[in-house]
């Protein structure tokens, strides 16, 4: 079953210079993600012409510059906690290329909630800390195994 989004939820405000239409549905204040940042979002994507939903996801994490240009541009307008609707013309989407359930030259609409975002430096620090923790855990496990082997050898009958 593919849900259909009503026409009233497929419109945005006036388009900006790039052609991206945007409508803020739930305002929020604060910093906004940059192109090199990583976001955590809840979103639904549907075809502007028919309202047919082609994708939706909760707690989806990805780099801002790792998506179609219109979605990336829209993300950079959002503050954490805000919800926006973006009307993405095909030129800022997949253009003349078909992509799965999205026909070629399709205008798209996304409703997006920005749950959180991190800078690339914060992501790298988190990865380094995770690697350090894994290394420390491996070393501790190796030491425990060596101690257990020594204890077993000492306890074994001669």
C-alpha atoms as a PDB file:
ATOM      1  CA  UNK A   1       0.000   0.000   0.000  1.00  0.00           C
ATOM      2  CA  UNK A   2       1.501   3.314  -1.069  1.00  0.00           C
ATOM      3  CA  UNK A   3       0.117   6.332   0.752  1.00  0.00           C
ATOM      4  CA  UNK A   4      -0.818   9.424  -1.235  1.00  0.00           C
ATOM      5  CA  UNK A   5      -0.073  12.849   0.245  1.00  0.00           C
ATOM      6  CA  UNK A   6      -2.898  15.358  -0.340  1.00  0.00           C
ATOM      7  CA  UNK A   7      -2.383  18.287  -2.699  1.00  0.00           C
ATOM      8  CA  UNK A   8      -2.420  20.805   0.162  1.00  0.00           C
ATOM      9  CA  UNK A   9       0.711  19.149   1.565  1.00  0.00           C
ATOM     10  CA  UNK A  10       2.568  19.299  -1.742  1.00  0.00           C
ATOM     11  CA  UNK A  11       2.975  23.076  -1.931  1.00  0.00           C
ATOM     12  CA  UNK A  12       5.744  25.317  -0.648  1.00  0.00           C
ATOM     13  CA  UNK A  13       6.348  29.023  -0.432  1.00  0.00           C
ATOM     14  CA  UNK A  14       8.027  31.006  -3.164  1.00  0.00           C
ATOM     15  CA  UNK A  15      11.122  29.403  -4.613  1.00  0.00           C
ATOM     16  CA  UNK A  16      14.553  30.845  -3.860  1.00  0.00           C
ATOM     17  CA  UNK A  17      17.223  31.738  -6.415  1.00  0.00           C
ATOM     18  CA  UNK A  18      18.149  28.077  -6.942  1.00  0.00           C
ATOM     19  CA  UNK A  19      14.531  27.064  -7.551  1.00  0.00           C
ATOM     20  CA  UNK A  20      14.089  25.299  -4.197  1.00  0.00           C
ATOM     21  CA  UNK A  21      10.732  25.993  -2.586  1.00  0.00           C
ATOM     22  CA  UNK A  22      10.629  25.935   1.217  1.00  0.00           C
ATOM     23  CA  UNK A  23       8.013  26.227   3.930  1.00  0.00           C
ATOM     24  CA  UNK A  24       8.812  26.153   7.635  1.00  0.00           C
ATOM     25  CA  UNK A  25       6.215  24.017   9.446  1.00  0.00           C
ATOM     26  CA  UNK A  26       7.730  24.045  12.956  1.00  0.00           C
ATOM     27  CA  UNK A  27      10.209  26.810  13.769  1.00  0.00           C
ATOM     28  CA  UNK A  28      13.324  26.406  15.889  1.00  0.00           C
ATOM     29  CA  UNK A  29      16.251  28.640  16.739  1.00  0.00           C
ATOM     30  CA  UNK A  30      19.940  27.846  16.759  1.00  0.00           C
ATOM     31  CA  UNK A  31      22.825  26.736  14.628  1.00  0.00           C
ATOM     32  CA  UNK A  32      22.266  25.195  11.223  1.00  0.00           C
ATOM     33  CA  UNK A  33      24.241  22.384   9.602  1.00  0.00           C
ATOM     34  CA  UNK A  34      26.894  23.190   7.014  1.00  0.00           C
ATOM     35  CA  UNK A  35      27.571  21.260   3.823  1.00  0.00           C
ATOM     36  CA  UNK A  36      30.331  19.174   5.471  1.00  0.00           C
ATOM     37  CA  UNK A  37      28.227  18.255   8.540  1.00  0.00           C
ATOM     38  CA  UNK A  38      26.266  15.091   9.277  1.00  0.00           C
ATOM     39  CA  UNK A  39      22.547  15.136  10.085  1.00  0.00           C
ATOM     40  CA  UNK A  40      20.040  12.917  11.852  1.00  0.00           C
ATOM     41  CA  UNK A  41      16.576  13.404  10.352  1.00  0.00           C
ATOM     42  CA  UNK A  42      13.060  12.040  10.111  1.00  0.00           C
ATOM     43  CA  UNK A  43      11.656  12.529   6.614  1.00  0.00           C
ATOM     44  CA  UNK A  44       9.087  11.579   4.036  1.00  0.00           C
ATOM     45  CA  UNK A  45       9.568  12.096   0.304  1.00  0.00           C
ATOM     46  CA  UNK A  46       6.798  12.150  -2.261  1.00  0.00           C
ATOM     47  CA  UNK A  47       6.209  13.032  -5.896  1.00  0.00           C
ATOM     48  CA  UNK A  48       4.920  16.580  -6.357  1.00  0.00           C
ATOM     49  CA  UNK A  49       2.643  15.605  -9.259  1.00  0.00           C
ATOM     50  CA  UNK A  50       0.778  12.686  -7.670  1.00  0.00           C
ATOM     51  CA  UNK A  51       1.629  12.764  -3.962  1.00  0.00           C
ATOM     52  CA  UNK A  52       2.838   9.151  -4.124  1.00  0.00           C
ATOM     53  CA  UNK A  53       5.288   8.468  -1.294  1.00  0.00           C
ATOM     54  CA  UNK A  54       8.581   7.098  -2.631  1.00  0.00           C
ATOM     55  CA  UNK A  55      10.655   7.116   0.572  1.00  0.00           C
ATOM     56  CA  UNK A  56      10.381   7.719   4.295  1.00  0.00           C
ATOM     57  CA  UNK A  57      12.675   7.105   7.206  1.00  0.00           C
ATOM     58  CA  UNK A  58      13.073   7.778  10.920  1.00  0.00           C
ATOM     59  CA  UNK A  59      16.399   8.521  12.593  1.00  0.00           C
ATOM     60  CA  UNK A  60      18.255   8.510   9.293  1.00  0.00           C
ATOM     61  CA  UNK A  61      21.875   9.714   9.502  1.00  0.00           C
ATOM     62  CA  UNK A  62      23.933  10.903   6.527  1.00  0.00           C
ATOM     63  CA  UNK A  63      26.257  13.689   5.367  1.00  0.00           C
ATOM     64  CA  UNK A  64      24.541  16.900   4.237  1.00  0.00           C
ATOM     65  CA  UNK A  65      26.420  16.799   0.932  1.00  0.00           C
ATOM     66  CA  UNK A  66      25.593  13.111   0.427  1.00  0.00           C
ATOM     67  CA  UNK A  67      22.063  13.689  -0.912  1.00  0.00           C
ATOM     68  CA  UNK A  68      20.461  15.370  -3.936  1.00  0.00           C
ATOM     69  CA  UNK A  69      21.287  19.097  -4.225  1.00  0.00           C
ATOM     70  CA  UNK A  70      17.797  20.343  -3.297  1.00  0.00           C
ATOM     71  CA  UNK A  71      17.662  18.229  -0.137  1.00  0.00           C
ATOM     72  CA  UNK A  72      21.185  19.325   0.821  1.00  0.00           C
ATOM     73  CA  UNK A  73      20.320  23.000   0.286  1.00  0.00           C
ATOM     74  CA  UNK A  74      17.188  22.632   2.400  1.00  0.00           C
ATOM     75  CA  UNK A  75      19.009  20.926   5.272  1.00  0.00           C
ATOM     76  CA  UNK A  76      21.328  23.929   5.542  1.00  0.00           C
ATOM     77  CA  UNK A  77      18.290  26.160   6.213  1.00  0.00           C
ATOM     78  CA  UNK A  78      17.140  24.131   9.217  1.00  0.00           C
ATOM     79  CA  UNK A  79      17.792  24.605  12.924  1.00  0.00           C
ATOM     80  CA  UNK A  80      17.778  21.559  15.195  1.00  0.00           C
ATOM     81  CA  UNK A  81      14.193  20.640  16.103  1.00  0.00           C
ATOM     82  CA  UNK A  82      12.603  22.407  13.142  1.00  0.00           C
ATOM     83  CA  UNK A  83      10.339  20.805  10.547  1.00  0.00           C
ATOM     84  CA  UNK A  84      10.295  22.035   6.951  1.00  0.00           C
ATOM     85  CA  UNK A  85       8.687  21.126   3.654  1.00  0.00           C
ATOM     86  CA  UNK A  86      10.938  21.402   0.595  1.00  0.00           C
ATOM     87  CA  UNK A  87       9.699  21.478  -2.987  1.00  0.00           C
ATOM     88  CA  UNK A  88      12.611  20.254  -5.066  1.00  0.00           C
ATOM     89  CA  UNK A  89      12.470  20.908  -8.809  1.00  0.00           C
ATOM     90  CA  UNK A  90      13.793  18.046 -10.922  1.00  0.00           C
ATOM     91  CA  UNK A  91      16.942  20.059 -11.745  1.00  0.00           C
ATOM     92  CA  UNK A  92      17.854  19.954  -8.018  1.00  0.00           C
ATOM     93  CA  UNK A  93      16.743  16.331  -7.699  1.00  0.00           C
ATOM     94  CA  UNK A  94      17.471  13.482 -10.078  1.00  0.00           C
ATOM     95  CA  UNK A  95      16.941  15.471 -13.287  1.00  0.00           C
ATOM     96  CA  UNK A  96      16.428  13.399 -16.416  1.00  0.00           C
ATOM     97  CA  UNK A  97      17.589  10.257 -14.595  1.00  0.00           C
ATOM     98  CA  UNK A  98      15.046   7.783 -13.238  1.00  0.00           C
ATOM     99  CA  UNK A  99      15.827   6.634  -9.676  1.00  0.00           C
ATOM    100  CA  UNK A 100      13.907   3.603  -8.388  1.00  0.00           C
ATOM    101  CA  UNK A 101      10.262   4.651  -7.969  1.00  0.00           C
ATOM    102  CA  UNK A 102      11.063   8.245  -9.044  1.00  0.00           C
ATOM    103  CA  UNK A 103      10.381   8.862 -12.748  1.00  0.00           C
ATOM    104  CA  UNK A 104      12.775  11.004 -14.780  1.00  0.00           C
ATOM    105  CA  UNK A 105      12.202  14.783 -14.597  1.00  0.00           C
ATOM    106  CA  UNK A 106      10.126  14.523 -11.403  1.00  0.00           C
ATOM    107  CA  UNK A 107       9.632  17.407  -9.010  1.00  0.00           C
ATOM    108  CA  UNK A 108       9.860  16.119  -5.444  1.00  0.00           C
ATOM    109  CA  UNK A 109       8.533  17.196  -2.055  1.00  0.00           C
ATOM    110  CA  UNK A 110      10.140  16.346   1.281  1.00  0.00           C
ATOM    111  CA  UNK A 111       8.897  16.951   4.774  1.00  0.00           C
ATOM    112  CA  UNK A 112      11.944  16.901   7.045  1.00  0.00           C
ATOM    113  CA  UNK A 113      12.542  17.132  10.797  1.00  0.00           C
ATOM    114  CA  UNK A 114      16.123  17.904  11.817  1.00  0.00           C
ATOM    115  CA  UNK A 115      16.632  15.800  14.949  1.00  0.00           C
ATOM    116  CA  UNK A 116      20.341  16.602  15.398  1.00  0.00           C
ATOM    117  CA  UNK A 117      23.549  17.333  13.548  1.00  0.00           C
ATOM    118  CA  UNK A 118      27.282  17.062  14.139  1.00  0.00           C
ATOM    119  CA  UNK A 119      30.241  18.688  12.452  1.00  0.00           C
ATOM    120  CA  UNK A 120      32.691  16.478  10.599  1.00  0.00           C
ATOM    121  CA  UNK A 121      35.246  17.250  13.372  1.00  0.00           C
ATOM    122  CA  UNK A 122      32.798  15.963  16.015  1.00  0.00           C
ATOM    123  CA  UNK A 123      32.196  12.806  13.966  1.00  0.00           C
ATOM    124  CA  UNK A 124      35.949  12.190  13.625  1.00  0.00           C
ATOM    125  CA  UNK A 125      36.425  12.683  17.387  1.00  0.00           C
ATOM    126  CA  UNK A 126      33.617  10.189  18.075  1.00  0.00           C
ATOM    127  CA  UNK A 127      35.180   7.661  15.681  1.00  0.00           C
ATOM    128  CA  UNK A 128      38.613   8.101  17.284  1.00  0.00           C
ATOM    129  CA  UNK A 129      37.163   7.634  20.770  1.00  0.00           C
ATOM    130  CA  UNK A 130      35.348   4.507  19.598  1.00  0.00           C
ATOM    131  CA  UNK A 131      38.560   3.125  18.061  1.00  0.00           C
ATOM    132  CA  UNK A 132      40.491   3.902  21.257  1.00  0.00           C
ATOM    133  CA  UNK A 133      37.816   2.192  23.365  1.00  0.00           C
ATOM    134  CA  UNK A 134      37.887  -0.872  21.096  1.00  0.00           C
ATOM    135  CA  UNK A 135      41.689  -1.049  21.302  1.00  0.00           C
ATOM    136  CA  UNK A 136      41.612  -0.714  25.103  1.00  0.00           C
ATOM    137  CA  UNK A 137      38.957  -3.433  25.367  1.00  0.00           C
ATOM    138  CA  UNK A 138      41.016  -5.746  23.116  1.00  0.00           C
ATOM    139  CA  UNK A 139      44.149  -5.168  25.194  1.00  0.00           C
ATOM    140  CA  UNK A 140      42.245  -5.803  28.445  1.00  0.00           C
ATOM    141  CA  UNK A 141      40.770  -9.024  27.035  1.00  0.00           C
ATOM    142  CA  UNK A 142      44.220 -10.210  25.909  1.00  0.00           C
ATOM    143  CA  UNK A 143      45.698  -9.477  29.352  1.00  0.00           C
ATOM    144  CA  UNK A 144      42.822 -11.313  31.070  1.00  0.00           C
ATOM    145  CA  UNK A 145      43.292 -14.315  28.776  1.00  0.00           C
ATOM    146  CA  UNK A 146      47.040 -14.387  29.479  1.00  0.00           C
ATOM    147  CA  UNK A 147      46.424 -14.191  33.256  1.00  0.00           C
ATOM    148  CA  UNK A 148      43.870 -16.998  33.027  1.00  0.00           C
ATOM    149  CA  UNK A 149      46.304 -19.146  31.047  1.00  0.00           C
ATOM    150  CA  UNK A 150      49.080 -18.523  33.613  1.00  0.00           C
ATOM    151  CA  UNK A 151      46.745 -19.342  36.497  1.00  0.00           C
ATOM    152  CA  UNK A 152      45.634 -22.540  34.784  1.00  0.00           C
ATOM    153  CA  UNK A 153      49.248 -23.548  34.127  1.00  0.00           C
ATOM    154  CA  UNK A 154      50.204 -22.937  37.772  1.00  0.00           C
ATOM    155  CA  UNK A 155      47.198 -24.881  39.028  1.00  0.00           C
ATOM    156  CA  UNK A 156      47.775 -27.862  36.740  1.00  0.00           C
ATOM    157  CA  UNK A 157      49.286 -30.965  38.367  1.00  0.00           C
ATOM    158  CA  UNK A 158      52.975 -31.360  37.641  1.00  0.00           C
END
